[in-house]
Amino acid sequence: MAVEAKIAQDIDATFTATMTTDSEVSGWTVVVMPGSGEYFGTRRPVKVAGTIDAHPFSATFLPSGDGTHMLPIKAAVRKLIGKEAGAEVTVHLQQRFS
């Protein structure tokens, strides 16, 4: 079985969004990146790293089916930044992995 190496591509995108709970599908707390389909050039999942309110994170953007992607915000990150669903966060994307 071959091991796939992650190749990091530097990116620089910042957006501010309100965390919501995706109760229809997963129950996850997420943010949606406007225009993400165009920015990433895909409607497929995209692995990224960066900061949320200046705290490091890595996660996978999941396609929403409407040309946008939702980014799940793990409980540990929410605890670190002291925010939950309904709060506004600033996401700075710094790397994309393929």
PDB file of N, CA and C in Angstrom:
ATOM      1  N   MET A   1       0.841  -1.174   0.000  1.00  0.00           N
ATOM      2  CA  MET A   1       0.000   0.000   0.000  1.00  0.00           C
ATOM      3  C   MET A   1       0.891   1.243   0.000  1.00  0.00           C
ATOM      4  N   ALA A   2       0.689   2.112  -0.952  1.00  0.00           N
ATOM      5  CA  ALA A   2       1.499   3.314  -1.078  1.00  0.00           C
ATOM      6  C   ALA A   2       1.024   4.381  -0.110  1.00  0.00           C
ATOM      7  N   VAL A   3       1.955   5.130   0.421  1.00  0.00           N
ATOM      8  CA  VAL A   3       1.635   6.245   1.305  1.00  0.00           C
ATOM      9  C   VAL A   3       1.667   7.517   0.468  1.00  0.00           C
ATOM     10  N   GLU A   4       0.571   8.252   0.517  1.00  0.00           N
ATOM     11  CA  GLU A   4       0.470   9.489  -0.249  1.00  0.00           C
ATOM     12  C   GLU A   4       1.052  10.645   0.550  1.00  0.00           C
ATOM     13  N   ALA A   5       2.009  11.348  -0.033  1.00  0.00           N
ATOM     14  CA  ALA A   5       2.628  12.491   0.636  1.00  0.00           C
ATOM     15  C   ALA A   5       1.751  13.727   0.444  1.00  0.00           C
ATOM     16  N   LYS A   6       1.614  14.494   1.488  1.00  0.00           N
ATOM     17  CA  LYS A   6       0.880  15.750   1.396  1.00  0.00           C
ATOM     18  C   LYS A   6       1.814  16.810   0.842  1.00  0.00           C
ATOM     19  N   ILE A   7       1.344  17.487  -0.176  1.00  0.00           N
ATOM     20  CA  ILE A   7       2.105  18.590  -0.752  1.00  0.00           C
ATOM     21  C   ILE A   7       1.387  19.875  -0.368  1.00  0.00           C
ATOM     22  N   ALA A   8       2.099  20.770   0.310  1.00  0.00           N
ATOM     23  CA  ALA A   8       1.504  22.026   0.767  1.00  0.00           C
ATOM     24  C   ALA A   8       1.728  23.113  -0.268  1.00  0.00           C
ATOM     25  N   GLN A   9       0.670  23.835  -0.549  1.00  0.00           N
ATOM     26  CA  GLN A   9       0.727  24.999  -1.424  1.00  0.00           C
ATOM     27  C   GLN A   9       0.382  26.211  -0.568  1.00  0.00           C
ATOM     28  N   ASP A  10       1.246  27.228  -0.571  1.00  0.00           N
ATOM     29  CA  ASP A  10       0.954  28.435   0.188  1.00  0.00           C
ATOM     30  C   ASP A  10      -0.200  29.187  -0.460  1.00  0.00           C
ATOM     31  N   ILE A  11      -1.152  29.594   0.364  1.00  0.00           N
ATOM     32  CA  ILE A  11      -2.271  30.419  -0.077  1.00  0.00           C
ATOM     33  C   ILE A  11      -2.440  31.545   0.933  1.00  0.00           C
ATOM     34  N   ASP A  12      -3.215  32.537   0.571  1.00  0.00           N
ATOM     35  CA  ASP A  12      -3.450  33.662   1.480  1.00  0.00           C
ATOM     36  C   ASP A  12      -4.860  34.175   1.247  1.00  0.00           C
ATOM     37  N   ALA A  13      -5.791  33.645   2.019  1.00  0.00           N
ATOM     38  CA  ALA A  13      -7.181  34.076   1.913  1.00  0.00           C
ATOM     39  C   ALA A  13      -7.718  34.282   3.322  1.00  0.00           C
ATOM     40  N   THR A  14      -8.420  35.380   3.512  1.00  0.00           N
ATOM     41  CA  THR A  14      -9.008  35.686   4.810  1.00  0.00           C
ATOM     42  C   THR A  14     -10.479  36.009   4.619  1.00  0.00           C
ATOM     43  N   PHE A  15     -11.306  35.462   5.500  1.00  0.00           N
ATOM     44  CA  PHE A  15     -12.725  35.809   5.482  1.00  0.00           C
ATOM     45  C   PHE A  15     -13.265  35.779   6.899  1.00  0.00           C
ATOM     46  N   THR A  16     -14.333  36.512   7.110  1.00  0.00           N
ATOM     47  CA  THR A  16     -15.014  36.552   8.396  1.00  0.00           C
ATOM     48  C   THR A  16     -16.397  35.957   8.193  1.00  0.00           C
ATOM     49  N   ALA A  17     -16.784  35.070   9.108  1.00  0.00           N
ATOM     50  CA  ALA A  17     -18.084  34.408   8.984  1.00  0.00           C
ATOM     51  C   ALA A  17     -18.621  34.075  10.372  1.00  0.00           C
ATOM     52  N   THR A  18     -19.911  33.845  10.429  1.00  0.00           N
ATOM     53  CA  THR A  18     -20.555  33.436  11.668  1.00  0.00           C
ATOM     54  C   THR A  18     -20.596  31.919  11.731  1.00  0.00           C
ATOM     55  N   MET A  19     -20.164  31.364  12.866  1.00  0.00           N
ATOM     56  CA  MET A  19     -20.241  29.917  13.051  1.00  0.00           C
ATOM     57  C   MET A  19     -21.708  29.526  13.209  1.00  0.00           C
ATOM     58  N   THR A  20     -22.103  28.468  12.501  1.00  0.00           N
ATOM     59  CA  THR A  20     -23.456  27.943  12.597  1.00  0.00           C
ATOM     60  C   THR A  20     -23.393  26.446  12.868  1.00  0.00           C
ATOM     61  N   THR A  21     -24.496  25.891  13.297  1.00  0.00           N
ATOM     62  CA  THR A  21     -24.574  24.448  13.482  1.00  0.00           C
ATOM     63  C   THR A  21     -25.302  23.864  12.288  1.00  0.00           C
ATOM     64  N   ASP A  22     -24.633  22.942  11.599  1.00  0.00           N
ATOM     65  CA  ASP A  22     -25.190  22.291  10.421  1.00  0.00           C
ATOM     66  C   ASP A  22     -26.115  21.170  10.886  1.00  0.00           C
ATOM     67  N   SER A  23     -27.305  21.530  11.342  1.00  0.00           N
ATOM     68  CA  SER A  23     -28.220  20.550  11.915  1.00  0.00           C
ATOM     69  C   SER A  23     -28.839  19.638  10.860  1.00  0.00           C
ATOM     70  N   GLU A  24     -28.866  20.065   9.600  1.00  0.00           N
ATOM     71  CA  GLU A  24     -29.484  19.260   8.548  1.00  0.00           C
ATOM     72  C   GLU A  24     -28.684  17.993   8.242  1.00  0.00           C
ATOM     73  N   VAL A  25     -27.367  18.076   8.271  1.00  0.00           N
ATOM     74  CA  VAL A  25     -26.547  16.953   7.832  1.00  0.00           C
ATOM     75  C   VAL A  25     -25.765  16.319   8.969  1.00  0.00           C
ATOM     76  N   SER A  26     -24.989  17.113   9.699  1.00  0.00           N
ATOM     77  CA  SER A  26     -23.997  16.526  10.591  1.00  0.00           C
ATOM     78  C   SER A  26     -24.116  16.929  12.057  1.00  0.00           C
ATOM     79  N   GLY A  27     -24.679  18.089  12.318  1.00  0.00           N
ATOM     80  CA  GLY A  27     -24.681  18.614  13.677  1.00  0.00           C
ATOM     81  C   GLY A  27     -23.383  19.310  14.032  1.00  0.00           C
ATOM     82  N   TRP A  28     -22.476  19.413  13.064  1.00  0.00           N
ATOM     83  CA  TRP A  28     -21.182  20.065  13.289  1.00  0.00           C
ATOM     84  C   TRP A  28     -21.345  21.574  13.376  1.00  0.00           C
ATOM     85  N   THR A  29     -20.409  22.217  14.054  1.00  0.00           N
ATOM     86  CA  THR A  29     -20.318  23.674  14.039  1.00  0.00           C
ATOM     87  C   THR A  29     -19.378  24.027  12.890  1.00  0.00           C
ATOM     88  N   VAL A  30     -19.860  24.882  11.980  1.00  0.00           N
ATOM     89  CA  VAL A  30     -19.123  25.166  10.746  1.00  0.00           C
ATOM     90  C   VAL A  30     -19.142  26.656  10.429  1.00  0.00           C
ATOM     91  N   VAL A  31     -18.242  27.054   9.529  1.00  0.00           N
ATOM     92  CA  VAL A  31     -18.323  28.349   8.853  1.00  0.00           C
ATOM     93  C   VAL A  31     -18.341  28.060   7.361  1.00  0.00           C
ATOM     94  N   VAL A  32     -18.973  28.936   6.602  1.00  0.00           N
ATOM     95  CA  VAL A  32     -19.048  28.788   5.157  1.00  0.00           C
ATOM     96  C   VAL A  32     -18.204  29.877   4.525  1.00  0.00           C
ATOM     97  N   MET A  33     -17.347  29.464   3.594  1.00  0.00           N
ATOM     98  CA  MET A  33     -16.503  30.421   2.874  1.00  0.00           C
ATOM     99  C   MET A  33     -17.215  30.836   1.592  1.00  0.00           C
ATOM    100  N   PRO A  34     -17.603  32.110   1.479  1.00  0.00           N
ATOM    101  CA  PRO A  34     -18.246  32.573   0.256  1.00  0.00           C
ATOM    102  C   PRO A  34     -17.281  32.474  -0.923  1.00  0.00           C
ATOM    103  N   GLY A  35     -17.778  32.025  -2.072  1.00  0.00           N
ATOM    104  CA  GLY A  35     -16.953  31.961  -3.279  1.00  0.00           C
ATOM    105  C   GLY A  35     -15.870  30.902  -3.248  1.00  0.00           C
ATOM    106  N   SER A  36     -15.977  29.946  -2.333  1.00  0.00           N
ATOM    107  CA  SER A  36     -14.911  28.958  -2.179  1.00  0.00           C
ATOM    108  C   SER A  36     -14.739  28.072  -3.402  1.00  0.00           C
ATOM    109  N   GLY A  37     -15.835  27.728  -4.070  1.00  0.00           N
ATOM    110  CA  GLY A  37     -15.729  26.890  -5.271  1.00  0.00           C
ATOM    111  C   GLY A  37     -14.873  27.544  -6.332  1.00  0.00           C
ATOM    112  N   GLU A  38     -15.066  28.835  -6.529  1.00  0.00           N
ATOM    113  CA  GLU A  38     -14.259  29.572  -7.498  1.00  0.00           C
ATOM    114  C   GLU A  38     -12.823  29.731  -7.000  1.00  0.00           C
ATOM    115  N   TYR A  39     -12.666  30.035  -5.711  1.00  0.00           N
ATOM    116  CA  TYR A  39     -11.324  30.248  -5.159  1.00  0.00           C
ATOM    117  C   TYR A  39     -10.473  28.986  -5.275  1.00  0.00           C
ATOM    118  N   PHE A  40     -11.038  27.844  -4.870  1.00  0.00           N
ATOM    119  CA  PHE A  40     -10.281  26.599  -4.900  1.00  0.00           C
ATOM    120  C   PHE A  40     -10.299  25.931  -6.270  1.00  0.00           C
ATOM    121  N   GLY A  41     -11.225  26.322  -7.128  1.00  0.00           N
ATOM    122  CA  GLY A  41     -11.316  25.724  -8.454  1.00  0.00           C
ATOM    123  C   GLY A  41     -11.865  24.306  -8.429  1.00  0.00           C
ATOM    124  N   THR A  42     -12.645  23.989  -7.399  1.00  0.00           N
ATOM    125  CA  THR A  42     -13.210  22.646  -7.281  1.00  0.00           C
ATOM    126  C   THR A  42     -14.441  22.673  -6.395  1.00  0.00           C
ATOM    127  N   ARG A  43     -15.255  21.663  -6.551  1.00  0.00           N
ATOM    128  CA  ARG A  43     -16.391  21.440  -5.658  1.00  0.00           C
ATOM    129  C   ARG A  43     -16.155  20.173  -4.836  1.00  0.00           C
ATOM    130  N   ARG A  44     -14.928  19.766  -4.743  1.00  0.00           N
ATOM    131  CA  ARG A  44     -14.542  18.586  -3.976  1.00  0.00           C
ATOM    132  C   ARG A  44     -13.970  19.025  -2.620  1.00  0.00           C
ATOM    133  N   PRO A  45     -13.770  18.090  -1.677  1.00  0.00           N
ATOM    134  CA  PRO A  45     -13.158  18.452  -0.394  1.00  0.00           C
ATOM    135  C   PRO A  45     -11.758  19.048  -0.591  1.00  0.00           C
ATOM    136  N   VAL A  46     -11.407  20.006   0.274  1.00  0.00           N
ATOM    137  CA  VAL A  46     -10.111  20.689   0.187  1.00  0.00           C
ATOM    138  C   VAL A  46      -9.486  20.723   1.584  1.00  0.00           C
ATOM    139  N   LYS A  47      -8.277  20.159   1.723  1.00  0.00           N
ATOM    140  CA  LYS A  47      -7.568  20.179   3.006  1.00  0.00           C
ATOM    141  C   LYS A  47      -6.776  21.470   3.117  1.00  0.00           C
ATOM    142  N   VAL A  48      -6.911  22.130   4.280  1.00  0.00           N
ATOM    143  CA  VAL A  48      -6.273  23.431   4.478  1.00  0.00           C
ATOM    144  C   VAL A  48      -5.692  23.536   5.888  1.00  0.00           C
ATOM    145  N   ALA A  49      -4.854  24.555   6.075  1.00  0.00           N
ATOM    146  CA  ALA A  49      -4.342  24.926   7.393  1.00  0.00           C
ATOM    147  C   ALA A  49      -4.254  26.441   7.434  1.00  0.00           C
ATOM    148  N   GLY A  50      -4.348  26.967   8.634  1.00  0.00           N
ATOM    149  CA  GLY A  50      -4.270  28.412   8.804  1.00  0.00           C
ATOM    150  C   GLY A  50      -4.585  28.766  10.244  1.00  0.00           C
ATOM    151  N   THR A  51      -5.296  29.887  10.413  1.00  0.00           N
ATOM    152  CA  THR A  51      -5.678  30.305  11.759  1.00  0.00           C
ATOM    153  C   THR A  51      -7.159  30.674  11.790  1.00  0.00           C
ATOM    154  N   ILE A  52      -7.746  30.472  12.962  1.00  0.00           N
ATOM    155  CA  ILE A  52      -9.096  30.960  13.253  1.00  0.00           C
ATOM    156  C   ILE A  52      -8.935  31.865  14.466  1.00  0.00           C
ATOM    157  N   ASP A  53      -9.260  33.132  14.289  1.00  0.00           N
ATOM    158  CA  ASP A  53      -9.038  34.130  15.345  1.00  0.00           C
ATOM    159  C   ASP A  53      -7.609  34.022  15.887  1.00  0.00           C
ATOM    160  N   ALA A  54      -6.651  33.895  14.983  1.00  0.00           N
ATOM    161  CA  ALA A  54      -5.208  33.860  15.265  1.00  0.00           C
ATOM    162  C   ALA A  54      -4.724  32.568  15.934  1.00  0.00           C
ATOM    163  N   HIS A  55      -5.578  31.542  16.046  1.00  0.00           N
ATOM    164  CA  HIS A  55      -5.164  30.254  16.608  1.00  0.00           C
ATOM    165  C   HIS A  55      -5.051  29.225  15.478  1.00  0.00           C
ATOM    166  N   PRO A  56      -3.939  28.486  15.414  1.00  0.00           N
ATOM    167  CA  PRO A  56      -3.715  27.528  14.323  1.00  0.00           C
ATOM    168  C   PRO A  56      -4.757  26.407  14.285  1.00  0.00           C
ATOM    169  N   PHE A  57      -5.051  25.966  13.065  1.00  0.00           N
ATOM    170  CA  PHE A  57      -5.949  24.827  12.860  1.00  0.00           C
ATOM    171  C   PHE A  57      -5.586  24.155  11.538  1.00  0.00           C
ATOM    172  N   SER A  58      -6.028  22.934  11.378  1.00  0.00           N
ATOM    173  CA  SER A  58      -6.015  22.262  10.078  1.00  0.00           C
ATOM    174  C   SER A  58      -7.307  21.474   9.991  1.00  0.00           C
ATOM    175  N   ALA A  59      -7.893  21.446   8.804  1.00  0.00           N
ATOM    176  CA  ALA A  59      -9.193  20.790   8.623  1.00  0.00           C
ATOM    177  C   ALA A  59      -9.438  20.586   7.134  1.00  0.00           C
ATOM    178  N   THR A  60     -10.572  20.008   6.838  1.00  0.00           N
ATOM    179  CA  THR A  60     -10.981  19.793   5.450  1.00  0.00           C
ATOM    180  C   THR A  60     -12.264  20.556   5.173  1.00  0.00           C
ATOM    181  N   PHE A  61     -12.219  21.456   4.179  1.00  0.00           N
ATOM    182  CA  PHE A  61     -13.426  22.117   3.704  1.00  0.00           C
ATOM    183  C   PHE A  61     -14.265  21.065   2.992  1.00  0.00           C
ATOM    184  N   LEU A  62     -15.549  21.025   3.296  1.00  0.00           N
ATOM    185  CA  LEU A  62     -16.450  20.061   2.677  1.00  0.00           C
ATOM    186  C   LEU A  62     -17.408  20.792   1.750  1.00  0.00           C
ATOM    187  N   PRO A  63     -17.596  20.280   0.523  1.00  0.00           N
ATOM    188  CA  PRO A  63     -18.487  20.970  -0.413  1.00  0.00           C
ATOM    189  C   PRO A  63     -19.929  20.942   0.082  1.00  0.00           C
ATOM    190  N   SER A  64     -20.619  22.064  -0.121  1.00  0.00           N
ATOM    191  CA  SER A  64     -22.006  22.172   0.321  1.00  0.00           C
ATOM    192  C   SER A  64     -22.992  21.840  -0.787  1.00  0.00           C
ATOM    193  N   GLY A  65     -22.509  21.728  -2.023  1.00  0.00           N
ATOM    194  CA  GLY A  65     -23.386  21.410  -3.147  1.00  0.00           C
ATOM    195  C   GLY A  65     -23.899  22.635  -3.876  1.00  0.00           C
ATOM    196  N   ASP A  66     -23.616  23.824  -3.334  1.00  0.00           N
ATOM    197  CA  ASP A  66     -24.084  25.059  -3.970  1.00  0.00           C
ATOM    198  C   ASP A  66     -22.928  25.933  -4.448  1.00  0.00           C
ATOM    199  N   GLY A  67     -21.720  25.343  -4.532  1.00  0.00           N
ATOM    200  CA  GLY A  67     -20.549  26.112  -4.955  1.00  0.00           C
ATOM    201  C   GLY A  67     -19.759  26.691  -3.804  1.00  0.00           C
ATOM    202  N   THR A  68     -20.240  26.466  -2.577  1.00  0.00           N
ATOM    203  CA  THR A  68     -19.489  26.906  -1.403  1.00  0.00           C
ATOM    204  C   THR A  68     -18.993  25.675  -0.654  1.00  0.00           C
ATOM    205  N   HIS A  69     -18.125  25.917   0.307  1.00  0.00           N
ATOM    206  CA  HIS A  69     -17.611  24.852   1.160  1.00  0.00           C
ATOM    207  C   HIS A  69     -17.855  25.232   2.617  1.00  0.00           C
ATOM    208  N   MET A  70     -18.091  24.212   3.455  1.00  0.00           N
ATOM    209  CA  MET A  70     -18.218  24.471   4.886  1.00  0.00           C
ATOM    210  C   MET A  70     -16.996  23.896   5.585  1.00  0.00           C
ATOM    211  N   LEU A  71     -16.521  24.630   6.577  1.00  0.00           N
ATOM    212  CA  LEU A  71     -15.339  24.256   7.335  1.00  0.00           C
ATOM    213  C   LEU A  71     -15.765  23.881   8.750  1.00  0.00           C
ATOM    214  N   PRO A  72     -15.677  22.596   9.114  1.00  0.00           N
ATOM    215  CA  PRO A  72     -16.013  22.216  10.486  1.00  0.00           C
ATOM    216  C   PRO A  72     -15.007  22.808  11.473  1.00  0.00           C
ATOM    217  N   ILE A  73     -15.502  23.355  12.572  1.00  0.00           N
ATOM    218  CA  ILE A  73     -14.652  23.924  13.616  1.00  0.00           C
ATOM    219  C   ILE A  73     -14.704  22.974  14.813  1.00  0.00           C
ATOM    220  N   LYS A  74     -13.599  22.295  15.079  1.00  0.00           N
ATOM    221  CA  LYS A  74     -13.547  21.310  16.159  1.00  0.00           C
ATOM    222  C   LYS A  74     -13.796  21.964  17.515  1.00  0.00           C
ATOM    223  N   ALA A  75     -14.332  21.157  18.432  1.00  0.00           N
ATOM    224  CA  ALA A  75     -14.634  21.640  19.791  1.00  0.00           C
ATOM    225  C   ALA A  75     -13.391  22.203  20.471  1.00  0.00           C
ATOM    226  N   ALA A  76     -12.239  21.576  20.261  1.00  0.00           N
ATOM    227  CA  ALA A  76     -11.000  22.056  20.892  1.00  0.00           C
ATOM    228  C   ALA A  76     -10.648  23.460  20.410  1.00  0.00           C
ATOM    229  N   VAL A  77     -10.864  23.737  19.131  1.00  0.00           N
ATOM    230  CA  VAL A  77     -10.584  25.079  18.591  1.00  0.00           C
ATOM    231  C   VAL A  77     -11.592  26.067  19.143  1.00  0.00           C
ATOM    232  N   ARG A  78     -12.867  25.691  19.193  1.00  0.00           N
ATOM    233  CA  ARG A  78     -13.893  26.591  19.741  1.00  0.00           C
ATOM    234  C   ARG A  78     -13.592  26.926  21.191  1.00  0.00           C
ATOM    235  N   LYS A  79     -13.144  25.945  21.957  1.00  0.00           N
ATOM    236  CA  LYS A  79     -12.796  26.182  23.358  1.00  0.00           C
ATOM    237  C   LYS A  79     -11.607  27.138  23.450  1.00  0.00           C
ATOM    238  N   LEU A  80     -10.609  26.928  22.599  1.00  0.00           N
ATOM    239  CA  LEU A  80      -9.410  27.761  22.596  1.00  0.00           C
ATOM    240  C   LEU A  80      -9.735  29.230  22.286  1.00  0.00           C
ATOM    241  N   ILE A  81     -10.637  29.456  21.330  1.00  0.00           N
ATOM    242  CA  ILE A  81     -10.983  30.836  20.962  1.00  0.00           C
ATOM    243  C   ILE A  81     -12.122  31.392  21.817  1.00  0.00           C
ATOM    244  N   GLY A  82     -12.759  30.523  22.607  1.00  0.00           N
ATOM    245  CA  GLY A  82     -13.821  30.970  23.506  1.00  0.00           C
ATOM    246  C   GLY A  82     -15.102  31.358  22.797  1.00  0.00           C
ATOM    247  N   LYS A  83     -15.407  30.666  21.677  1.00  0.00           N
ATOM    248  CA  LYS A  83     -16.609  30.997  20.911  1.00  0.00           C
ATOM    249  C   LYS A  83     -17.354  29.728  20.513  1.00  0.00           C
ATOM    250  N   GLU A  84     -18.664  29.882  20.318  1.00  0.00           N
ATOM    251  CA  GLU A  84     -19.527  28.789  19.871  1.00  0.00           C
ATOM    252  C   GLU A  84     -20.390  29.281  18.712  1.00  0.00           C
ATOM    253  N   ALA A  85     -21.274  28.415  18.228  1.00  0.00           N
ATOM    254  CA  ALA A  85     -22.181  28.768  17.134  1.00  0.00           C
ATOM    255  C   ALA A  85     -22.881  30.087  17.446  1.00  0.00           C
ATOM    256  N   GLY A  86     -22.987  30.936  16.430  1.00  0.00           N
ATOM    257  CA  GLY A  86     -23.587  32.260  16.581  1.00  0.00           C
ATOM    258  C   GLY A  86     -22.548  33.363  16.667  1.00  0.00           C
ATOM    259  N   ALA A  87     -21.305  32.990  16.976  1.00  0.00           N
ATOM    260  CA  ALA A  87     -20.226  33.981  17.092  1.00  0.00           C
ATOM    261  C   ALA A  87     -19.519  34.132  15.737  1.00  0.00           C
ATOM    262  N   GLU A  88     -18.989  35.311  15.519  1.00  0.00           N
ATOM    263  CA  GLU A  88     -18.248  35.610  14.301  1.00  0.00           C
ATOM    264  C   GLU A  88     -16.764  35.295  14.515  1.00  0.00           C
ATOM    265  N   VAL A  89     -16.143  34.679  13.506  1.00  0.00           N
ATOM    266  CA  VAL A  89     -14.718  34.366  13.561  1.00  0.00           C
ATOM    267  C   VAL A  89     -14.045  34.841  12.280  1.00  0.00           C
ATOM    268  N   THR A  90     -12.733  35.066  12.376  1.00  0.00           N
ATOM    269  CA  THR A  90     -11.933  35.409  11.198  1.00  0.00           C
ATOM    270  C   THR A  90     -11.038  34.222  10.884  1.00  0.00           C
ATOM    271  N   VAL A  91     -11.162  33.736   9.665  1.00  0.00           N
ATOM    272  CA  VAL A  91     -10.390  32.581   9.200  1.00  0.00           C
ATOM    273  C   VAL A  91      -9.337  33.073   8.214  1.00  0.00           C
ATOM    274  N   HIS A  92      -8.077  32.723   8.477  1.00  0.00           N
ATOM    275  CA  HIS A  92      -6.984  33.057   7.564  1.00  0.00           C
ATOM    276  C   HIS A  92      -6.405  31.743   7.057  1.00  0.00           C
ATOM    277  N   LEU A  93      -6.603  31.461   5.776  1.00  0.00           N
ATOM    278  CA  LEU A  93      -6.086  30.251   5.160  1.00  0.00           C
ATOM    279  C   LEU A  93      -4.675  30.499   4.672  1.00  0.00           C
ATOM    280  N   GLN A  94      -3.752  29.619   5.065  1.00  0.00           N
ATOM    281  CA  GLN A  94      -2.338  29.808   4.734  1.00  0.00           C
ATOM    282  C   GLN A  94      -1.760  28.689   3.873  1.00  0.00           C
ATOM    283  N   GLN A  95      -2.355  27.488   3.952  1.00  0.00           N
ATOM    284  CA  GLN A  95      -1.852  26.373   3.147  1.00  0.00           C
ATOM    285  C   GLN A  95      -3.005  25.515   2.664  1.00  0.00           C
ATOM    286  N   ARG A  96      -2.794  24.959   1.471  1.00  0.00           N
ATOM    287  CA  ARG A  96      -3.712  23.994   0.887  1.00  0.00           C
ATOM    288  C   ARG A  96      -2.898  22.736   0.629  1.00  0.00           C
ATOM    289  N   PHE A  97      -3.455  21.579   0.994  1.00  0.00           N
ATOM    290  CA  PHE A  97      -2.744  20.320   0.828  1.00  0.00           C
ATOM    291  C   PHE A  97      -3.371  19.490  -0.274  1.00  0.00           C
ATOM    292  N   SER A  98      -2.504  18.828  -1.036  1.00  0.00           N
ATOM    293  CA  SER A  98      -3.013  17.933  -2.081  1.00  0.00           C
ATOM    294  C   SER A  98      -2.280  16.618  -2.015  1.00  0.00           C
TER     295      SER A  98
END
